[in-house]
C-alpha atoms as a PDB file:
ATOM      1  CA  MET A   1     -35.529   1.813  45.109  1.00  0.00           C
ATOM      2  CA  THR A   2     -34.320   5.354  45.511  1.00  0.00           C
ATOM      3  CA  ARG A   3     -31.319   6.426  47.528  1.00  0.00           C
ATOM      4  CA  ARG A   4     -30.048   9.959  47.721  1.00  0.00           C
ATOM      5  CA  VAL A   5     -26.603  11.286  48.445  1.00  0.00           C
ATOM      6  CA  PRO A   6     -26.718  12.976  51.859  1.00  0.00           C
ATOM      7  CA  PRO A   7     -27.049  16.748  52.039  1.00  0.00           C
ATOM      8  CA  VAL A   8     -24.239  18.936  53.316  1.00  0.00           C
ATOM      9  CA  LEU A   9     -26.082  19.509  56.610  1.00  0.00           C
ATOM     10  CA  THR A  10     -25.902  15.775  57.331  1.00  0.00           C
ATOM     11  CA  LEU A  11     -22.214  15.768  56.473  1.00  0.00           C
ATOM     12  CA  ILE A  12     -21.624  18.476  59.055  1.00  0.00           C
ATOM     13  CA  ARG A  13     -23.961  17.260  61.841  1.00  0.00           C
ATOM     14  CA  ALA A  14     -23.565  13.495  61.541  1.00  0.00           C
ATOM     15  CA  PRO A  15     -20.610  12.489  59.361  1.00  0.00           C
ATOM     16  CA  GLU A  16     -21.032   8.794  60.187  1.00  0.00           C
ATOM     17  CA  ARG A  17     -24.636   8.911  58.980  1.00  0.00           C
ATOM     18  CA  ALA A  18     -23.516  10.720  55.847  1.00  0.00           C
ATOM     19  CA  ALA A  19     -21.020   7.926  55.212  1.00  0.00           C
ATOM     20  CA  VAL A  20     -23.755   5.314  55.668  1.00  0.00           C
ATOM     21  CA  ALA A  21     -26.102   7.213  53.347  1.00  0.00           C
ATOM     22  CA  THR A  22     -23.371   7.560  50.727  1.00  0.00           C
ATOM     23  CA  LEU A  23     -22.645   3.850  50.937  1.00  0.00           C
ATOM     24  CA  ALA A  24     -26.361   3.089  50.571  1.00  0.00           C
ATOM     25  CA  ALA A  25     -26.541   5.321  47.489  1.00  0.00           C
ATOM     26  CA  ALA A  26     -23.479   3.622  45.985  1.00  0.00           C
ATOM     27  CA  THR A  27     -25.067   0.237  46.683  1.00  0.00           C
ATOM     28  CA  ALA A  28     -28.226   1.240  44.821  1.00  0.00           C
ATOM     29  CA  ILE A  29     -26.194   2.541  41.887  1.00  0.00           C
ATOM     30  CA  ALA A  30     -24.153  -0.673  41.727  1.00  0.00           C
ATOM     31  CA  ARG A  31     -27.297  -2.811  41.853  1.00  0.00           C
ATOM     32  CA  ASN A  32     -28.991  -0.840  39.074  1.00  0.00           C
ATOM     33  CA  ALA A  33     -25.884  -0.979  36.895  1.00  0.00           C
ATOM     34  CA  LEU A  34     -25.508  -4.737  37.339  1.00  0.00           C
ATOM     35  CA  VAL A  35     -29.155  -5.423  36.590  1.00  0.00           C
ATOM     36  CA  ALA A  36     -29.094  -3.144  33.527  1.00  0.00           C
ATOM     37  CA  ALA A  37     -25.920  -4.720  32.178  1.00  0.00           C
ATOM     38  CA  HIS A  38     -27.143  -8.282  32.741  1.00  0.00           C
ATOM     39  CA  PRO A  39     -30.808  -8.558  31.726  1.00  0.00           C
ATOM     40  CA  HIS A  40     -30.543 -12.358  31.824  1.00  0.00           C
ATOM     41  CA  LEU A  41     -30.733 -12.163  35.637  1.00  0.00           C
ATOM     42  CA  ALA A  42     -34.513 -12.383  35.369  1.00  0.00           C
ATOM     43  CA  CYS A  43     -34.094 -15.898  33.943  1.00  0.00           C
ATOM     44  CA  GLU A  44     -32.828 -19.067  35.551  1.00  0.00           C
ATOM     45  CA  PRO A  45     -29.107 -19.094  36.413  1.00  0.00           C
ATOM     46  CA  THR A  46     -27.015 -20.139  33.425  1.00  0.00           C
ATOM     47  CA  GLY A  47     -24.106 -21.536  35.402  1.00  0.00           C
ATOM     48  CA  GLU A  48     -21.607 -19.378  33.540  1.00  0.00           C
ATOM     49  CA  ALA A  49     -18.852 -17.741  35.554  1.00  0.00           C
ATOM     50  CA  ILE A  50     -20.091 -14.198  34.876  1.00  0.00           C
ATOM     51  CA  ASP A  51     -23.644 -15.149  35.848  1.00  0.00           C
ATOM     52  CA  ARG A  52     -22.485 -16.658  39.133  1.00  0.00           C
ATOM     53  CA  ALA A  53     -20.280 -13.626  39.874  1.00  0.00           C
ATOM     54  CA  VAL A  54     -23.067 -11.106  39.213  1.00  0.00           C
ATOM     55  CA  ARG A  55     -25.559 -13.048  41.318  1.00  0.00           C
ATOM     56  CA  ARG A  56     -22.998 -13.301  44.142  1.00  0.00           C
ATOM     57  CA  LEU A  57     -22.409  -9.543  43.986  1.00  0.00           C
ATOM     58  CA  LEU A  58     -26.143  -8.872  44.118  1.00  0.00           C
ATOM     59  CA  ARG A  59     -26.517 -11.107  47.187  1.00  0.00           C
ATOM     60  CA  ARG A  60     -23.662  -9.255  48.881  1.00  0.00           C
ATOM     61  CA  LEU A  61     -25.241  -5.914  48.013  1.00  0.00           C
ATOM     62  CA  ASP A  62     -28.506  -7.169  49.559  1.00  0.00           C
ATOM     63  CA  ARG A  63     -26.684  -8.088  52.765  1.00  0.00           C
ATOM     64  CA  LEU A  64     -24.912  -4.724  52.816  1.00  0.00           C
ATOM     65  CA  GLU A  65     -28.230  -2.892  52.436  1.00  0.00           C
ATOM     66  CA  ARG A  66     -29.779  -4.896  55.268  1.00  0.00           C
ATOM     67  CA  ASP A  67     -26.781  -4.187  57.489  1.00  0.00           C
ATOM     68  CA  LEU A  68     -26.916  -0.475  56.692  1.00  0.00           C
ATOM     69  CA  ASP A  69     -30.624  -0.406  57.540  1.00  0.00           C
ATOM     70  CA  LEU A  70     -29.912  -2.200  60.823  1.00  0.00           C
ATOM     71  CA  TYR A  71     -27.209   0.350  61.645  1.00  0.00           C
ATOM     72  CA  VAL A  72     -29.551   3.252  60.933  1.00  0.00           C
ATOM     73  CA  ASP A  73     -32.310   1.686  63.050  1.00  0.00           C
ATOM     74  CA  ALA A  74     -29.900   1.085  65.937  1.00  0.00           C
ATOM     75  CA  ASP A  75     -28.469   4.600  65.678  1.00  0.00           C
ATOM     76  CA  ASP A  76     -31.971   6.086  65.562  1.00  0.00           C
ATOM     77  CA  SER A  77     -32.938   4.236  68.714  1.00  0.00           C
ATOM     78  CA  LEU A  78     -29.880   5.637  70.518  1.00  0.00           C
ATOM     79  CA  ASN A  79     -29.876   9.139  69.022  1.00  0.00           C
ATOM     80  CA  PRO A  80     -33.282   9.888  67.496  1.00  0.00           C
ATOM     81  CA  LEU A  81     -32.529  13.578  66.902  1.00  0.00           C
ATOM     82  CA  ASP A  82     -29.435  13.097  64.706  1.00  0.00           C
ATOM     83  CA  ASP A  83     -31.387  13.383  61.471  1.00  0.00           C
ATOM     84  CA  ASP A  84     -33.491  16.398  62.337  1.00  0.00           C
ATOM     85  CA  ILE A  85     -33.054  19.319  60.010  1.00  0.00           C
ATOM     86  CA  PHE A  86     -32.083  22.460  61.855  1.00  0.00           C
END
């Protein structure tokens, strides 16, 4: 998964979309850091407190990503020209 920090033009034209894009990028960074720091996630849950906490965080990051995608889809349907480069 690749997420990019929004360009300055997006910050100027659509600050709310820039905030959503920045949050999406931060979500991707957090996910990658958690997975890299806890390679045991590919295995069965261990039941340890840290394992449960990391898996809970990853589920919450998944929900956040889905919600951000839903927001972008809804915003695109209302204002399809917001993301056009000028």
